[in-house]
Amino acid sequence: MRARRSVVTKTSPDMKRRILLSAATLCVLCAGTLACSATYAADRLGAQWQVAAANDWNSLSDDQKRLLANQRDRWDSYPPQRRERLLRGVQRYESLSPEQQAEIRRAHRRFARMSPQQRRRLRQEYRRVQRRSMRR
């Protein structure tokens, strides 16, 4: 009986570096989100007011429209909770330094260039890191 050989897909060192960098960036973004959660309760009233005022796309500020431009066609179909979450993200983004904002833009571009398989691996790694940090 012949021994079955396993096929191992080799990942180039450059690809590994990019995946790890993307995972690290995602972790940093998540850590920033967790840090912002401490002020979430205080900000929630402001965010709710914003969502109440943002019944449709036209009621958003110019800065909000610019940052949410890729959501324009779907905005009015989103439930209020999703609009609130997106507007909170805009608030957090606007509170970051220009360097932090630039890093987020670079991370978004890297993610957009990834193949579906790379995105899946990155999401799996993110969930693994998130579960590990929740155990501590």
Protein backbone atom coordinates (compact mmCIF):
# COMPACT_ATOMS: atom_id res chain seq x y z
CA MET A 1 0.00 0.00 0.00
CA ARG A 2 1.41 3.37 -1.00
CA ALA A 3 1.82 6.08 1.59
CA ARG A 4 -0.28 9.09 0.92
CA ARG A 5 1.71 12.26 0.42
CA SER A 6 0.31 15.48 1.76
CA VAL A 7 0.48 18.53 -0.41
CA VAL A 8 1.78 21.55 1.43
CA THR A 9 1.24 24.91 -0.15
CA LYS A 10 4.24 27.10 0.48
CA THR A 11 3.70 30.74 1.16
CA SER A 12 6.45 33.12 0.17
CA PRO A 13 8.16 35.06 2.96
CA ASP A 14 6.87 38.29 1.41
CA MET A 15 3.29 36.97 1.46
CA LYS A 16 3.68 35.84 5.08
CA ARG A 17 5.02 39.27 5.99
CA ARG A 18 2.07 40.98 4.30
CA ILE A 19 -0.45 38.68 5.97
CA LEU A 20 1.12 39.23 9.37
CA LEU A 21 1.29 42.98 8.79
CA SER A 22 -2.36 43.01 7.80
CA ALA A 23 -3.29 40.91 10.83
CA ALA A 24 -1.30 43.24 13.07
CA THR A 25 -3.01 46.27 11.52
CA LEU A 26 -6.38 44.67 12.06
CA CYS A 27 -5.45 43.96 15.68
CA VAL A 28 -4.37 47.57 16.17
CA LEU A 29 -7.65 48.77 14.71
CA CYS A 30 -9.55 46.44 17.01
CA ALA A 31 -7.53 47.57 20.01
CA GLY A 32 -8.43 51.14 19.12
CA THR A 33 -12.07 50.13 18.95
CA LEU A 34 -11.81 48.50 22.38
CA ALA A 35 -10.12 51.58 23.80
CA CYS A 36 -12.94 53.70 22.42
CA SER A 37 -15.51 51.47 24.09
CA ALA A 38 -14.59 53.01 27.43
CA THR A 39 -16.03 56.29 26.21
CA TYR A 40 -18.83 54.61 24.29
CA ALA A 41 -21.49 55.13 26.97
CA ALA A 42 -20.85 58.87 27.08
CA ASP A 43 -20.74 59.13 23.29
CA ARG A 44 -23.82 56.98 22.76
CA LEU A 45 -26.27 59.81 23.36
CA GLY A 46 -24.46 61.94 20.80
CA ALA A 47 -24.39 59.07 18.30
CA GLN A 48 -28.09 58.39 18.81
CA TRP A 49 -28.84 62.03 18.17
CA GLN A 50 -26.75 61.89 15.01
CA VAL A 51 -28.57 58.79 13.80
CA ALA A 52 -31.94 60.35 14.56
CA ALA A 53 -30.87 63.38 12.53
CA ALA A 54 -29.43 61.17 9.79
CA ASN A 55 -32.65 59.64 8.51
CA ASP A 56 -31.36 59.78 4.97
CA TRP A 57 -28.14 60.35 3.08
CA ASN A 58 -28.89 64.02 2.43
CA SER A 59 -28.96 64.84 6.15
CA LEU A 60 -25.33 63.75 6.65
CA SER A 61 -22.58 66.37 6.90
CA ASP A 62 -20.18 66.79 3.98
CA ASP A 63 -17.38 65.12 5.97
CA GLN A 64 -19.62 62.16 6.82
CA LYS A 65 -20.65 61.83 3.19
CA ARG A 66 -17.00 61.91 2.09
CA LEU A 67 -15.97 59.19 4.55
CA LEU A 68 -19.04 57.04 3.84
CA ALA A 69 -19.06 57.60 0.06
CA ASN A 70 -18.83 53.86 -0.68
CA GLN A 71 -22.07 53.35 1.32
CA ARG A 72 -24.07 56.03 -0.52
CA ASP A 73 -26.24 53.76 -2.68
CA ARG A 74 -27.18 51.53 0.26
CA TRP A 75 -27.35 54.07 3.11
CA ASP A 76 -31.10 54.64 3.06
CA SER A 77 -31.78 50.89 3.15
CA TYR A 78 -29.63 50.28 6.27
CA PRO A 79 -31.37 49.74 9.61
CA PRO A 80 -30.78 52.48 12.23
CA GLN A 81 -28.37 50.30 14.23
CA ARG A 82 -26.06 49.89 11.24
CA ARG A 83 -26.16 53.61 10.46
CA GLU A 84 -25.31 54.32 14.09
CA ARG A 85 -22.37 51.92 13.99
CA LEU A 86 -21.05 53.49 10.78
CA LEU A 87 -21.41 57.01 12.17
CA ARG A 88 -19.56 56.00 15.35
CA GLY A 89 -16.77 54.70 13.13
CA VAL A 90 -16.65 58.06 11.36
CA GLN A 91 -16.45 59.82 14.74
CA ARG A 92 -13.58 57.57 15.86
CA TYR A 93 -11.77 58.04 12.55
CA GLU A 94 -12.08 61.84 12.76
CA SER A 95 -10.65 61.80 16.31
CA LEU A 96 -7.44 60.03 15.15
CA SER A 97 -4.19 61.78 14.28
CA PRO A 98 -3.41 62.25 10.57
CA GLU A 99 -0.78 59.49 10.84
CA GLN A 100 -3.30 57.05 12.31
CA GLN A 101 -5.83 57.96 9.61
CA ALA A 102 -3.20 57.35 6.93
CA GLU A 103 -2.40 53.93 8.43
CA ILE A 104 -6.09 52.99 8.34
CA ARG A 105 -6.36 54.08 4.71
CA ARG A 106 -3.30 51.96 3.84
CA ALA A 107 -4.77 48.97 5.69
CA HIS A 108 -8.06 49.34 3.79
CA ARG A 109 -6.21 49.46 0.46
CA ARG A 110 -4.14 46.37 1.39
CA PHE A 111 -7.30 44.52 2.39
CA ALA A 112 -9.04 45.49 -0.86
CA ARG A 113 -6.12 44.08 -2.89
CA MET A 114 -6.19 40.72 -1.08
CA SER A 115 -7.62 37.63 -2.67
CA PRO A 116 -10.72 36.09 -1.08
CA GLN A 117 -8.51 33.33 0.35
CA GLN A 118 -6.14 35.86 1.95
CA ARG A 119 -9.10 37.78 3.39
CA ARG A 120 -10.52 34.57 4.83
CA ARG A 121 -7.16 33.73 6.46
CA LEU A 122 -6.89 37.24 7.87
CA ARG A 123 -10.41 37.07 9.31
CA GLN A 124 -9.64 33.67 10.85
CA GLU A 125 -6.46 35.06 12.40
CA TYR A 126 -8.37 38.09 13.70
CA ARG A 127 -11.00 35.84 15.32
CA ARG A 128 -8.25 33.67 16.84
CA VAL A 129 -6.48 36.71 18.33
CA GLN A 130 -9.79 38.13 19.54
CA ARG A 131 -10.73 34.84 21.29
CA ARG A 132 -7.29 34.66 22.86
CA SER A 133 -7.52 38.23 24.19
CA MET A 134 -11.01 37.56 25.60
CA ARG A 135 -9.67 34.61 27.63
CA ARG A 136 -7.18 36.79 29.48
